């Protein structure tokens, strides 16, 4: 399956980028960087990259996710990764990126982590 992506608002100040298919070497994967940069230019400050529907990721895909995380951080914004499981999550563990990037089981939990704390 070819990579496809969509973006949606989780709440007004959090954008979720939903990826589906395979993140591998090729021009389709460059779309990820393009949409992240575009969202940052439009003022997005909280991003969640949802990998729930990603069936495969190679070293190029890992690199793109790491690069995008760096771009978001450099912009003073925050990024979370959601839904990575199986082989996809295993590759993030092997590369030790899970010690640098915050991973969450699903997009809703990742969005919750980005919401401002409400006073008790």
PDB file of N, CA and C in Angstrom:
ATOM      1  N   UNK A   1       0.844  -1.185   0.000  1.00  0.00           N
ATOM      2  CA  UNK A   1       0.000   0.000   0.000  1.00  0.00           C
ATOM      3  C   UNK A   1       0.886   1.244   0.000  1.00  0.00           C
ATOM      4  N   UNK A   2       0.568   2.170  -0.847  1.00  0.00           N
ATOM      5  CA  UNK A   2       1.284   3.430  -0.963  1.00  0.00           C
ATOM      6  C   UNK A   2       0.961   4.294   0.253  1.00  0.00           C
ATOM      7  N   UNK A   3       1.890   5.146   0.608  1.00  0.00           N
ATOM      8  CA  UNK A   3       1.700   6.039   1.745  1.00  0.00           C
ATOM      9  C   UNK A   3       0.651   7.090   1.425  1.00  0.00           C
ATOM     10  N   UNK A   4      -0.258   7.308   2.369  1.00  0.00           N
ATOM     11  CA  UNK A   4      -1.199   8.422   2.259  1.00  0.00           C
ATOM     12  C   UNK A   4      -1.217   9.145   3.592  1.00  0.00           C
ATOM     13  N   UNK A   5      -1.528  10.425   3.538  1.00  0.00           N
ATOM     14  CA  UNK A   5      -1.584  11.173   4.786  1.00  0.00           C
ATOM     15  C   UNK A   5      -2.677  12.213   4.745  1.00  0.00           C
ATOM     16  N   UNK A   6      -3.214  12.473   5.913  1.00  0.00           N
ATOM     17  CA  UNK A   6      -4.221  13.510   6.093  1.00  0.00           C
ATOM     18  C   UNK A   6      -3.899  14.233   7.395  1.00  0.00           C
ATOM     19  N   UNK A   7      -4.413  15.429   7.526  1.00  0.00           N
ATOM     20  CA  UNK A   7      -4.247  16.134   8.797  1.00  0.00           C
ATOM     21  C   UNK A   7      -5.615  16.593   9.275  1.00  0.00           C
ATOM     22  N   UNK A   8      -5.746  16.658  10.585  1.00  0.00           N
ATOM     23  CA  UNK A   8      -7.001  17.089  11.200  1.00  0.00           C
ATOM     24  C   UNK A   8      -6.684  17.747  12.533  1.00  0.00           C
ATOM     25  N   UNK A   9      -7.609  18.527  13.010  1.00  0.00           N
ATOM     26  CA  UNK A   9      -7.461  19.159  14.313  1.00  0.00           C
ATOM     27  C   UNK A   9      -8.010  18.214  15.376  1.00  0.00           C
ATOM     28  N   UNK A  10      -7.213  17.962  16.406  1.00  0.00           N
ATOM     29  CA  UNK A  10      -7.660  17.162  17.545  1.00  0.00           C
ATOM     30  C   UNK A  10      -8.497  18.074  18.446  1.00  0.00           C
ATOM     31  N   UNK A  11      -7.955  19.206  18.752  1.00  0.00           N
ATOM     32  CA  UNK A  11      -8.630  20.334  19.396  1.00  0.00           C
ATOM     33  C   UNK A  11      -8.065  21.551  18.675  1.00  0.00           C
ATOM     34  N   UNK A  12      -8.578  22.745  18.921  1.00  0.00           N
ATOM     35  CA  UNK A  12      -8.131  23.888  18.116  1.00  0.00           C
ATOM     36  C   UNK A  12      -6.622  24.098  18.018  1.00  0.00           C
ATOM     37  N   UNK A  13      -5.867  23.758  19.034  1.00  0.00           N
ATOM     38  CA  UNK A  13      -4.432  24.049  18.988  1.00  0.00           C
ATOM     39  C   UNK A  13      -3.551  22.810  18.827  1.00  0.00           C
ATOM     40  N   UNK A  14      -4.144  21.677  18.446  1.00  0.00           N
ATOM     41  CA  UNK A  14      -3.370  20.442  18.231  1.00  0.00           C
ATOM     42  C   UNK A  14      -3.753  19.858  16.875  1.00  0.00           C
ATOM     43  N   UNK A  15      -2.750  19.606  16.038  1.00  0.00           N
ATOM     44  CA  UNK A  15      -2.981  19.021  14.720  1.00  0.00           C
ATOM     45  C   UNK A  15      -2.454  17.597  14.697  1.00  0.00           C
ATOM     46  N   UNK A  16      -3.276  16.680  14.192  1.00  0.00           N
ATOM     47  CA  UNK A  16      -2.892  15.282  14.049  1.00  0.00           C
ATOM     48  C   UNK A  16      -2.631  15.003  12.571  1.00  0.00           C
ATOM     49  N   UNK A  17      -1.454  14.451  12.287  1.00  0.00           N
ATOM     50  CA  UNK A  17      -1.110  14.030  10.931  1.00  0.00           C
ATOM     51  C   UNK A  17      -1.250  12.513  10.912  1.00  0.00           C
ATOM     52  N   UNK A  18      -2.218  12.016  10.179  1.00  0.00           N
ATOM     53  CA  UNK A  18      -2.487  10.582  10.120  1.00  0.00           C
ATOM     54  C   UNK A  18      -1.808   9.980   8.893  1.00  0.00           C
ATOM     55  N   UNK A  19      -0.947   9.007   9.124  1.00  0.00           N
ATOM     56  CA  UNK A  19      -0.235   8.333   8.040  1.00  0.00           C
ATOM     57  C   UNK A  19      -0.796   6.926   7.869  1.00  0.00           C
ATOM     58  N   UNK A  20      -0.900   6.472   6.633  1.00  0.00           N
ATOM     59  CA  UNK A  20      -1.382   5.124   6.322  1.00  0.00           C
ATOM     60  C   UNK A  20      -0.502   4.517   5.245  1.00  0.00           C
ATOM     61  N   UNK A  21      -0.210   3.230   5.379  1.00  0.00           N
ATOM     62  CA  UNK A  21       0.564   2.529   4.363  1.00  0.00           C
ATOM     63  C   UNK A  21       1.987   2.258   4.799  1.00  0.00           C
ATOM     64  N   UNK A  22       2.913   2.458   3.878  1.00  0.00           N
ATOM     65  CA  UNK A  22       4.330   2.154   4.099  1.00  0.00           C
ATOM     66  C   UNK A  22       5.160   3.434   4.000  1.00  0.00           C
ATOM     67  N   UNK A  23       6.056   3.625   4.971  1.00  0.00           N
ATOM     68  CA  UNK A  23       6.961   4.780   4.919  1.00  0.00           C
ATOM     69  C   UNK A  23       8.324   4.230   4.515  1.00  0.00           C
ATOM     70  N   UNK A  24       8.641   4.398   3.230  1.00  0.00           N
ATOM     71  CA  UNK A  24       9.869   3.842   2.671  1.00  0.00           C
ATOM     72  C   UNK A  24      10.533   4.866   1.750  1.00  0.00           C
ATOM     73  N   UNK A  25      11.705   4.508   1.272  1.00  0.00           N
ATOM     74  CA  UNK A  25      12.417   5.350   0.319  1.00  0.00           C
ATOM     75  C   UNK A  25      11.520   5.633  -0.879  1.00  0.00           C
ATOM     76  N   UNK A  26      11.377   6.893  -1.230  1.00  0.00           N
ATOM     77  CA  UNK A  26      10.550   7.270  -2.374  1.00  0.00           C
ATOM     78  C   UNK A  26       9.932   8.628  -2.167  1.00  0.00           C
ATOM     79  N   UNK A  27       9.391   9.163  -3.233  1.00  0.00           N
ATOM     80  CA  UNK A  27       8.859  10.526  -3.171  1.00  0.00           C
ATOM     81  C   UNK A  27       7.620  10.643  -2.283  1.00  0.00           C
ATOM     82  N   UNK A  28       6.879   9.555  -2.086  1.00  0.00           N
ATOM     83  CA  UNK A  28       5.695   9.631  -1.231  1.00  0.00           C
ATOM     84  C   UNK A  28       6.064  10.022   0.197  1.00  0.00           C
ATOM     85  N   UNK A  29       7.193   9.505   0.679  1.00  0.00           N
ATOM     86  CA  UNK A  29       7.604   9.779   2.050  1.00  0.00           C
ATOM     87  C   UNK A  29       8.001  11.236   2.256  1.00  0.00           C
ATOM     88  N   UNK A  30       8.418  11.911   1.196  1.00  0.00           N
ATOM     89  CA  UNK A  30       8.777  13.324   1.298  1.00  0.00           C
ATOM     90  C   UNK A  30       7.566  14.175   1.655  1.00  0.00           C
ATOM     91  N   UNK A  31       6.362  13.652   1.418  1.00  0.00           N
ATOM     92  CA  UNK A  31       5.136  14.368   1.768  1.00  0.00           C
ATOM     93  C   UNK A  31       5.066  14.659   3.264  1.00  0.00           C
ATOM     94  N   UNK A  32       5.655  13.780   4.070  1.00  0.00           N
ATOM     95  CA  UNK A  32       5.598  13.947   5.523  1.00  0.00           C
ATOM     96  C   UNK A  32       6.313  15.237   5.915  1.00  0.00           C
ATOM     97  N   UNK A  33       7.536  15.390   5.430  1.00  0.00           N
ATOM     98  CA  UNK A  33       8.299  16.601   5.725  1.00  0.00           C
ATOM     99  C   UNK A  33       7.568  17.831   5.198  1.00  0.00           C
ATOM    100  N   UNK A  34       7.021  17.745   4.000  1.00  0.00           N
ATOM    101  CA  UNK A  34       6.320  18.873   3.390  1.00  0.00           C
ATOM    102  C   UNK A  34       5.151  19.332   4.248  1.00  0.00           C
ATOM    103  N   UNK A  35       4.342  18.397   4.719  1.00  0.00           N
ATOM    104  CA  UNK A  35       3.171  18.795   5.507  1.00  0.00           C
ATOM    105  C   UNK A  35       3.574  19.323   6.877  1.00  0.00           C
ATOM    106  N   UNK A  36       4.617  18.756   7.489  1.00  0.00           N
ATOM    107  CA  UNK A  36       5.071  19.252   8.790  1.00  0.00           C
ATOM    108  C   UNK A  36       5.566  20.686   8.653  1.00  0.00           C
ATOM    109  N   UNK A  37       6.393  20.953   7.653  1.00  0.00           N
ATOM    110  CA  UNK A  37       6.918  22.304   7.441  1.00  0.00           C
ATOM    111  C   UNK A  37       5.772  23.276   7.149  1.00  0.00           C
ATOM    112  N   UNK A  38       4.821  22.864   6.326  1.00  0.00           N
ATOM    113  CA  UNK A  38       3.674  23.716   5.993  1.00  0.00           C
ATOM    114  C   UNK A  38       2.861  24.056   7.238  1.00  0.00           C
ATOM    115  N   UNK A  39       2.594  23.056   8.076  1.00  0.00           N
ATOM    116  CA  UNK A  39       1.830  23.296   9.298  1.00  0.00           C
ATOM    117  C   UNK A  39       2.568  24.237  10.245  1.00  0.00           C
ATOM    118  N   UNK A  40       3.879  24.071  10.348  1.00  0.00           N
ATOM    119  CA  UNK A  40       4.668  24.971  11.198  1.00  0.00           C
ATOM    120  C   UNK A  40       4.614  26.398  10.667  1.00  0.00           C
ATOM    121  N   UNK A  41       4.700  26.555   9.341  1.00  0.00           N
ATOM    122  CA  UNK A  41       4.630  27.884   8.732  1.00  0.00           C
ATOM    123  C   UNK A  41       3.263  28.528   8.954  1.00  0.00           C
ATOM    124  N   UNK A  42       2.235  27.691   9.059  1.00  0.00           N
ATOM    125  CA  UNK A  42       0.879  28.189   9.294  1.00  0.00           C
ATOM    126  C   UNK A  42       0.620  28.468  10.775  1.00  0.00           C
ATOM    127  N   UNK A  43       1.628  28.211  11.621  1.00  0.00           N
ATOM    128  CA  UNK A  43       1.495  28.527  13.036  1.00  0.00           C
ATOM    129  C   UNK A  43       1.193  27.372  13.962  1.00  0.00           C
ATOM    130  N   UNK A  44       1.172  26.148  13.463  1.00  0.00           N
ATOM    131  CA  UNK A  44       0.920  24.992  14.332  1.00  0.00           C
ATOM    132  C   UNK A  44       2.026  24.897  15.378  1.00  0.00           C
ATOM    133  N   UNK A  45       1.641  24.641  16.624  1.00  0.00           N
ATOM    134  CA  UNK A  45       2.617  24.548  17.705  1.00  0.00           C
ATOM    135  C   UNK A  45       2.568  23.211  18.425  1.00  0.00           C
ATOM    136  N   UNK A  46       1.555  22.394  18.128  1.00  0.00           N
ATOM    137  CA  UNK A  46       1.405  21.080  18.746  1.00  0.00           C
ATOM    138  C   UNK A  46       1.008  20.079  17.673  1.00  0.00           C
ATOM    139  N   UNK A  47       1.902  19.133  17.390  1.00  0.00           N
ATOM    140  CA  UNK A  47       1.650  18.152  16.341  1.00  0.00           C
ATOM    141  C   UNK A  47       1.703  16.742  16.901  1.00  0.00           C
ATOM    142  N   UNK A  48       0.820  15.901  16.392  1.00  0.00           N
ATOM    143  CA  UNK A  48       0.839  14.472  16.684  1.00  0.00           C
ATOM    144  C   UNK A  48       0.964  13.764  15.339  1.00  0.00           C
ATOM    145  N   UNK A  49       1.970  12.907  15.212  1.00  0.00           N
ATOM    146  CA  UNK A  49       2.120  12.086  14.012  1.00  0.00           C
ATOM    147  C   UNK A  49       1.580  10.712  14.357  1.00  0.00           C
ATOM    148  N   UNK A  50       0.452  10.362  13.751  1.00  0.00           N
ATOM    149  CA  UNK A  50      -0.249   9.116  14.056  1.00  0.00           C
ATOM    150  C   UNK A  50       0.184   8.013  13.090  1.00  0.00           C
ATOM    151  N   UNK A  51       0.857   7.005  13.628  1.00  0.00           N
ATOM    152  CA  UNK A  51       1.353   5.883  12.823  1.00  0.00           C
ATOM    153  C   UNK A  51       0.476   4.635  12.966  1.00  0.00           C
ATOM    154  N   UNK A  52      -0.727   4.787  13.482  1.00  0.00           N
ATOM    155  CA  UNK A  52      -1.617   3.648  13.731  1.00  0.00           C
ATOM    156  C   UNK A  52      -1.854   2.777  12.502  1.00  0.00           C
ATOM    157  N   UNK A  53      -1.870   3.408  11.332  1.00  0.00           N
ATOM    158  CA  UNK A  53      -2.182   2.672  10.102  1.00  0.00           C
ATOM    159  C   UNK A  53      -0.958   2.475   9.210  1.00  0.00           C
ATOM    160  N   UNK A  54       0.218   2.618   9.799  1.00  0.00           N
ATOM    161  CA  UNK A  54       1.456   2.374   9.055  1.00  0.00           C
ATOM    162  C   UNK A  54       1.813   0.901   9.224  1.00  0.00           C
ATOM    163  N   UNK A  55       1.920   0.195   8.113  1.00  0.00           N
ATOM    164  CA  UNK A  55       2.187  -1.246   8.161  1.00  0.00           C
ATOM    165  C   UNK A  55       3.674  -1.578   8.109  1.00  0.00           C
ATOM    166  N   UNK A  56       4.482  -0.634   7.614  1.00  0.00           N
ATOM    167  CA  UNK A  56       5.919  -0.895   7.464  1.00  0.00           C
ATOM    168  C   UNK A  56       6.666   0.426   7.432  1.00  0.00           C
ATOM    169  N   UNK A  57       7.860   0.438   8.002  1.00  0.00           N
ATOM    170  CA  UNK A  57       8.718   1.610   7.947  1.00  0.00           C
ATOM    171  C   UNK A  57      10.148   1.122   7.778  1.00  0.00           C
ATOM    172  N   UNK A  58      10.914   1.772   6.893  1.00  0.00           N
ATOM    173  CA  UNK A  58      12.316   1.401   6.727  1.00  0.00           C
ATOM    174  C   UNK A  58      13.192   2.498   7.314  1.00  0.00           C
ATOM    175  N   UNK A  59      14.493   2.393   7.114  1.00  0.00           N
ATOM    176  CA  UNK A  59      15.415   3.362   7.704  1.00  0.00           C
ATOM    177  C   UNK A  59      15.163   4.770   7.180  1.00  0.00           C
ATOM    178  N   UNK A  60      14.732   4.884   5.936  1.00  0.00           N
ATOM    179  CA  UNK A  60      14.398   6.200   5.390  1.00  0.00           C
ATOM    180  C   UNK A  60      13.226   6.798   6.160  1.00  0.00           C
ATOM    181  N   UNK A  61      12.227   5.986   6.424  1.00  0.00           N
ATOM    182  CA  UNK A  61      11.055   6.443   7.177  1.00  0.00           C
ATOM    183  C   UNK A  61      11.412   6.863   8.587  1.00  0.00           C
ATOM    184  N   UNK A  62      12.267   6.079   9.245  1.00  0.00           N
ATOM    185  CA  UNK A  62      12.727   6.431  10.592  1.00  0.00           C
ATOM    186  C   UNK A  62      13.436   7.785  10.533  1.00  0.00           C
ATOM    187  N   UNK A  63      14.278   7.968   9.528  1.00  0.00           N
ATOM    188  CA  UNK A  63      15.000   9.218   9.369  1.00  0.00           C
ATOM    189  C   UNK A  63      14.072  10.400   9.142  1.00  0.00           C
ATOM    190  N   UNK A  64      13.029  10.209   8.357  1.00  0.00           N
ATOM    191  CA  UNK A  64      12.076  11.288   8.089  1.00  0.00           C
ATOM    192  C   UNK A  64      11.340  11.672   9.369  1.00  0.00           C
ATOM    193  N   UNK A  65      10.914  10.692  10.138  1.00  0.00           N
ATOM    194  CA  UNK A  65      10.214  10.985  11.392  1.00  0.00           C
ATOM    195  C   UNK A  65      11.158  11.738  12.338  1.00  0.00           C
ATOM    196  N   UNK A  66      12.407  11.276  12.450  1.00  0.00           N
ATOM    197  CA  UNK A  66      13.387  11.945  13.319  1.00  0.00           C
ATOM    198  C   UNK A  66      13.652  13.369  12.829  1.00  0.00           C
ATOM    199  N   UNK A  67      13.782  13.550  11.530  1.00  0.00           N
ATOM    200  CA  UNK A  67      14.018  14.877  10.953  1.00  0.00           C
ATOM    201  C   UNK A  67      12.841  15.810  11.260  1.00  0.00           C
ATOM    202  N   UNK A  68      11.624  15.321  11.066  1.00  0.00           N
ATOM    203  CA  UNK A  68      10.441  16.137  11.331  1.00  0.00           C
ATOM    204  C   UNK A  68      10.354  16.511  12.807  1.00  0.00           C
ATOM    205  N   UNK A  69      10.675  15.560  13.677  1.00  0.00           N
ATOM    206  CA  UNK A  69      10.681  15.855  15.111  1.00  0.00           C
ATOM    207  C   UNK A  69      11.672  16.984  15.396  1.00  0.00           C
ATOM    208  N   UNK A  70      12.834  16.933  14.770  1.00  0.00           N
ATOM    209  CA  UNK A  70      13.838  17.984  14.947  1.00  0.00           C
ATOM    210  C   UNK A  70      13.356  19.326  14.437  1.00  0.00           C
ATOM    211  N   UNK A  71      12.702  19.347  13.276  1.00  0.00           N
ATOM    212  CA  UNK A  71      12.167  20.590  12.710  1.00  0.00           C
ATOM    213  C   UNK A  71      11.135  21.214  13.651  1.00  0.00           C
ATOM    214  N   UNK A  72      10.274  20.379  14.194  1.00  0.00           N
ATOM    215  CA  UNK A  72       9.245  20.862  15.115  1.00  0.00           C
ATOM    216  C   UNK A  72       9.908  21.451  16.362  1.00  0.00           C
ATOM    217  N   UNK A  73      10.871  20.744  16.909  1.00  0.00           N
ATOM    218  CA  UNK A  73      11.575  21.221  18.107  1.00  0.00           C
ATOM    219  C   UNK A  73      12.303  22.530  17.838  1.00  0.00           C
ATOM    220  N   UNK A  74      12.978  22.633  16.686  1.00  0.00           N
ATOM    221  CA  UNK A  74      13.687  23.861  16.322  1.00  0.00           C
ATOM    222  C   UNK A  74      12.737  25.046  16.202  1.00  0.00           C
ATOM    223  N   UNK A  75      11.502  24.782  15.823  1.00  0.00           N
ATOM    224  CA  UNK A  75      10.505  25.844  15.670  1.00  0.00           C
ATOM    225  C   UNK A  75       9.889  26.233  17.012  1.00  0.00           C
ATOM    226  N   UNK A  76      10.304  25.570  18.082  1.00  0.00           N
ATOM    227  CA  UNK A  76       9.744  25.866  19.394  1.00  0.00           C
ATOM    228  C   UNK A  76       8.382  25.246  19.610  1.00  0.00           C
ATOM    229  N   UNK A  77       8.041  24.271  18.781  1.00  0.00           N
ATOM    230  CA  UNK A  77       6.755  23.588  18.881  1.00  0.00           C
ATOM    231  C   UNK A  77       6.962  22.226  19.551  1.00  0.00           C
ATOM    232  N   UNK A  78       5.864  21.501  19.736  1.00  0.00           N
ATOM    233  CA  UNK A  78       5.932  20.187  20.382  1.00  0.00           C
ATOM    234  C   UNK A  78       5.373  19.119  19.448  1.00  0.00           C
ATOM    235  N   UNK A  79       5.971  17.920  19.528  1.00  0.00           N
ATOM    236  CA  UNK A  79       5.569  16.819  18.665  1.00  0.00           C
ATOM    237  C   UNK A  79       5.482  15.524  19.474  1.00  0.00           C
ATOM    238  N   UNK A  80       4.473  14.739  19.177  1.00  0.00           N
ATOM    239  CA  UNK A  80       4.312  13.418  19.772  1.00  0.00           C
ATOM    240  C   UNK A  80       4.085  12.417  18.644  1.00  0.00           C
ATOM    241  N   UNK A  81       4.484  11.171  18.886  1.00  0.00           N
ATOM    242  CA  UNK A  81       4.228  10.089  17.932  1.00  0.00           C
ATOM    243  C   UNK A  81       3.204   9.162  18.564  1.00  0.00           C
ATOM    244  N   UNK A  82       2.205   8.774  17.793  1.00  0.00           N
ATOM    245  CA  UNK A  82       1.133   7.928  18.322  1.00  0.00           C
ATOM    246  C   UNK A  82       0.952   6.681  17.465  1.00  0.00           C
ATOM    247  N   UNK A  83       0.505   5.618  18.106  1.00  0.00           N
ATOM    248  CA  UNK A  83       0.041   4.427  17.412  1.00  0.00           C
ATOM    249  C   UNK A  83       1.081   3.491  16.836  1.00  0.00           C
ATOM    250  N   UNK A  84       2.368   3.750  17.061  1.00  0.00           N
ATOM    251  CA  UNK A  84       3.394   2.841  16.520  1.00  0.00           C
ATOM    252  C   UNK A  84       3.326   1.517  17.276  1.00  0.00           C
ATOM    253  N   UNK A  85       3.290   0.420  16.544  1.00  0.00           N
ATOM    254  CA  UNK A  85       3.250  -0.908  17.188  1.00  0.00           C
ATOM    255  C   UNK A  85       3.902  -1.935  16.281  1.00  0.00           C
ATOM    256  N   UNK A  86       4.177  -3.072  16.843  1.00  0.00           N
ATOM    257  CA  UNK A  86       4.778  -4.155  16.076  1.00  0.00           C
ATOM    258  C   UNK A  86       6.140  -3.793  15.530  1.00  0.00           C
ATOM    259  N   UNK A  87       6.391  -4.161  14.286  1.00  0.00           N
ATOM    260  CA  UNK A  87       7.667  -3.913  13.633  1.00  0.00           C
ATOM    261  C   UNK A  87       8.008  -2.424  13.604  1.00  0.00           C
ATOM    262  N   UNK A  88       7.013  -1.585  13.407  1.00  0.00           N
ATOM    263  CA  UNK A  88       7.244  -0.143  13.358  1.00  0.00           C
ATOM    264  C   UNK A  88       7.836   0.333  14.686  1.00  0.00           C
ATOM    265  N   UNK A  89       7.219  -0.055  15.800  1.00  0.00           N
ATOM    266  CA  UNK A  89       7.732   0.362  17.111  1.00  0.00           C
ATOM    267  C   UNK A  89       9.074  -0.288  17.401  1.00  0.00           C
ATOM    268  N   UNK A  90       9.240  -1.537  16.970  1.00  0.00           N
ATOM    269  CA  UNK A  90      10.519  -2.230  17.182  1.00  0.00           C
ATOM    270  C   UNK A  90      11.677  -1.453  16.563  1.00  0.00           C
ATOM    271  N   UNK A  91      11.470  -0.907  15.378  1.00  0.00           N
ATOM    272  CA  UNK A  91      12.536  -0.151  14.716  1.00  0.00           C
ATOM    273  C   UNK A  91      12.867   1.142  15.467  1.00  0.00           C
ATOM    274  N   UNK A  92      11.855   1.781  16.040  1.00  0.00           N
ATOM    275  CA  UNK A  92      12.132   2.966  16.854  1.00  0.00           C
ATOM    276  C   UNK A  92      12.909   2.583  18.119  1.00  0.00           C
ATOM    277  N   UNK A  93      12.614   1.415  18.664  1.00  0.00           N
ATOM    278  CA  UNK A  93      13.364   0.953  19.845  1.00  0.00           C
ATOM    279  C   UNK A  93      14.811   0.614  19.490  1.00  0.00           C
ATOM    280  N   UNK A  94      14.998  -0.080  18.373  1.00  0.00           N
ATOM    281  CA  UNK A  94      16.345  -0.473  17.940  1.00  0.00           C
ATOM    282  C   UNK A  94      17.219   0.763  17.737  1.00  0.00           C
ATOM    283  N   UNK A  95      16.644   1.806  17.169  1.00  0.00           N
ATOM    284  CA  UNK A  95      17.397   3.038  16.915  1.00  0.00           C
ATOM    285  C   UNK A  95      17.452   3.938  18.155  1.00  0.00           C
ATOM    286  N   UNK A  96      16.785   3.529  19.206  1.00  0.00           N
ATOM    287  CA  UNK A  96      16.726   4.258  20.482  1.00  0.00           C
ATOM    288  C   UNK A  96      16.034   5.612  20.378  1.00  0.00           C
ATOM    289  N   UNK A  97      15.271   5.816  19.333  1.00  0.00           N
ATOM    290  CA  UNK A  97      14.541   7.079  19.198  1.00  0.00           C
ATOM    291  C   UNK A  97      13.421   7.195  20.222  1.00  0.00           C
ATOM    292  N   UNK A  98      12.950   6.066  20.744  1.00  0.00           N
ATOM    293  CA  UNK A  98      11.890   6.136  21.746  1.00  0.00           C
ATOM    294  C   UNK A  98      12.389   6.766  23.038  1.00  0.00           C
ATOM    295  N   UNK A  99      13.711   6.914  23.181  1.00  0.00           N
ATOM    296  CA  UNK A  99      14.247   7.594  24.362  1.00  0.00           C
ATOM    297  C   UNK A  99      14.336   9.109  24.144  1.00  0.00           C
ATOM    298  N   UNK A 100      14.142   9.555  22.913  1.00  0.00           N
ATOM    299  CA  UNK A 100      14.220  10.984  22.577  1.00  0.00           C
ATOM    300  C   UNK A 100      12.835  11.548  22.271  1.00  0.00           C
ATOM    301  N   UNK A 101      12.039  10.786  21.550  1.00  0.00           N
ATOM    302  CA  UNK A 101      10.714  11.205  21.113  1.00  0.00           C
ATOM    303  C   UNK A 101       9.681  10.544  22.015  1.00  0.00           C
ATOM    304  N   UNK A 102       8.637  11.293  22.389  1.00  0.00           N
ATOM    305  CA  UNK A 102       7.580  10.709  23.210  1.00  0.00           C
ATOM    306  C   UNK A 102       6.595   9.950  22.328  1.00  0.00           C
ATOM    307  N   UNK A 103       6.380   8.678  22.674  1.00  0.00           N
ATOM    308  CA  UNK A 103       5.454   7.804  21.961  1.00  0.00           C
ATOM    309  C   UNK A 103       4.228   7.551  22.829  1.00  0.00           C
ATOM    310  N   UNK A 104       3.072   7.454  22.187  1.00  0.00           N
ATOM    311  CA  UNK A 104       1.817   7.198  22.885  1.00  0.00           C
ATOM    312  C   UNK A 104       1.056   6.110  22.140  1.00  0.00           C
ATOM    313  N   UNK A 105       0.215   5.357  22.850  1.00  0.00           N
ATOM    314  CA  UNK A 105      -0.479   4.233  22.203  1.00  0.00           C
ATOM    315  C   UNK A 105      -1.485   4.647  21.133  1.00  0.00           C
ATOM    316  N   UNK A 106      -2.047   5.862  21.254  1.00  0.00           N
ATOM    317  CA  UNK A 106      -3.023   6.326  20.262  1.00  0.00           C
ATOM    318  C   UNK A 106      -3.009   7.852  20.198  1.00  0.00           C
ATOM    319  N   UNK A 107      -3.653   8.378  19.178  1.00  0.00           N
ATOM    320  CA  UNK A 107      -3.643   9.832  18.944  1.00  0.00           C
ATOM    321  C   UNK A 107      -4.342  10.595  20.069  1.00  0.00           C
ATOM    322  N   UNK A 108      -5.409  10.025  20.623  1.00  0.00           N
ATOM    323  CA  UNK A 108      -6.139  10.723  21.682  1.00  0.00           C
ATOM    324  C   UNK A 108      -5.273  10.924  22.916  1.00  0.00           C
ATOM    325  N   UNK A 109      -4.512   9.894  23.291  1.00  0.00           N
ATOM    326  CA  UNK A 109      -3.615   9.993  24.441  1.00  0.00           C
ATOM    327  C   UNK A 109      -2.504  11.001  24.158  1.00  0.00           C
ATOM    328  N   UNK A 110      -1.989  10.985  22.944  1.00  0.00           N
ATOM    329  CA  UNK A 110      -0.946  11.944  22.562  1.00  0.00           C
ATOM    330  C   UNK A 110      -1.494  13.368  22.610  1.00  0.00           C
ATOM    331  N   UNK A 111      -2.713  13.572  22.130  1.00  0.00           N
ATOM    332  CA  UNK A 111      -3.336  14.902  22.177  1.00  0.00           C
ATOM    333  C   UNK A 111      -3.517  15.346  23.626  1.00  0.00           C
ATOM    334  N   UNK A 112      -3.931  14.425  24.465  1.00  0.00           N
ATOM    335  CA  UNK A 112      -4.125  14.745  25.877  1.00  0.00           C
ATOM    336  C   UNK A 112      -2.818  15.228  26.506  1.00  0.00           C
ATOM    337  N   UNK A 113      -1.704  14.643  26.113  1.00  0.00           N
ATOM    338  CA  UNK A 113      -0.407  15.039  26.678  1.00  0.00           C
ATOM    339  C   UNK A 113       0.010  16.451  26.261  1.00  0.00           C
ATOM    340  N   UNK A 114      -0.588  16.957  25.197  1.00  0.00           N
ATOM    341  CA  UNK A 114      -0.254  18.287  24.695  1.00  0.00           C
ATOM    342  C   UNK A 114      -1.194  19.381  25.208  1.00  0.00           C
ATOM    343  N   UNK A 115      -2.288  18.966  25.815  1.00  0.00           N
ATOM    344  CA  UNK A 115      -3.235  19.962  26.332  1.00  0.00           C
ATOM    345  C   UNK A 115      -2.654  20.646  27.561  1.00  0.00           C
ATOM    346  N   UNK A 116      -2.953  21.935  27.707  1.00  0.00           N
ATOM    347  CA  UNK A 116      -2.459  22.624  28.904  1.00  0.00           C
ATOM    348  C   UNK A 116      -3.098  22.047  30.161  1.00  0.00           C
ATOM    349  N   UNK A 117      -2.324  22.013  31.226  1.00  0.00           N
ATOM    350  CA  UNK A 117      -2.851  21.511  32.504  1.00  0.00           C
ATOM    351  C   UNK A 117      -3.909  22.489  33.002  1.00  0.00           C
ATOM    352  N   UNK A 118      -5.010  21.932  33.476  1.00  0.00           N
ATOM    353  CA  UNK A 118      -6.058  22.778  34.039  1.00  0.00           C
ATOM    354  C   UNK A 118      -5.865  22.883  35.536  1.00  0.00           C
ATOM    355  N   UNK A 119      -6.029  24.076  36.079  1.00  0.00           N
ATOM    356  CA  UNK A 119      -5.840  24.226  37.517  1.00  0.00           C
ATOM    357  C   UNK A 119      -6.880  23.433  38.297  1.00  0.00           C
ATOM    358  N   UNK A 120      -6.458  22.857  39.388  1.00  0.00           N
ATOM    359  CA  UNK A 120      -7.367  22.019  40.198  1.00  0.00           C
ATOM    360  C   UNK A 120      -8.272  22.847  41.057  1.00  0.00           C
TER     361      UNK A 120
END
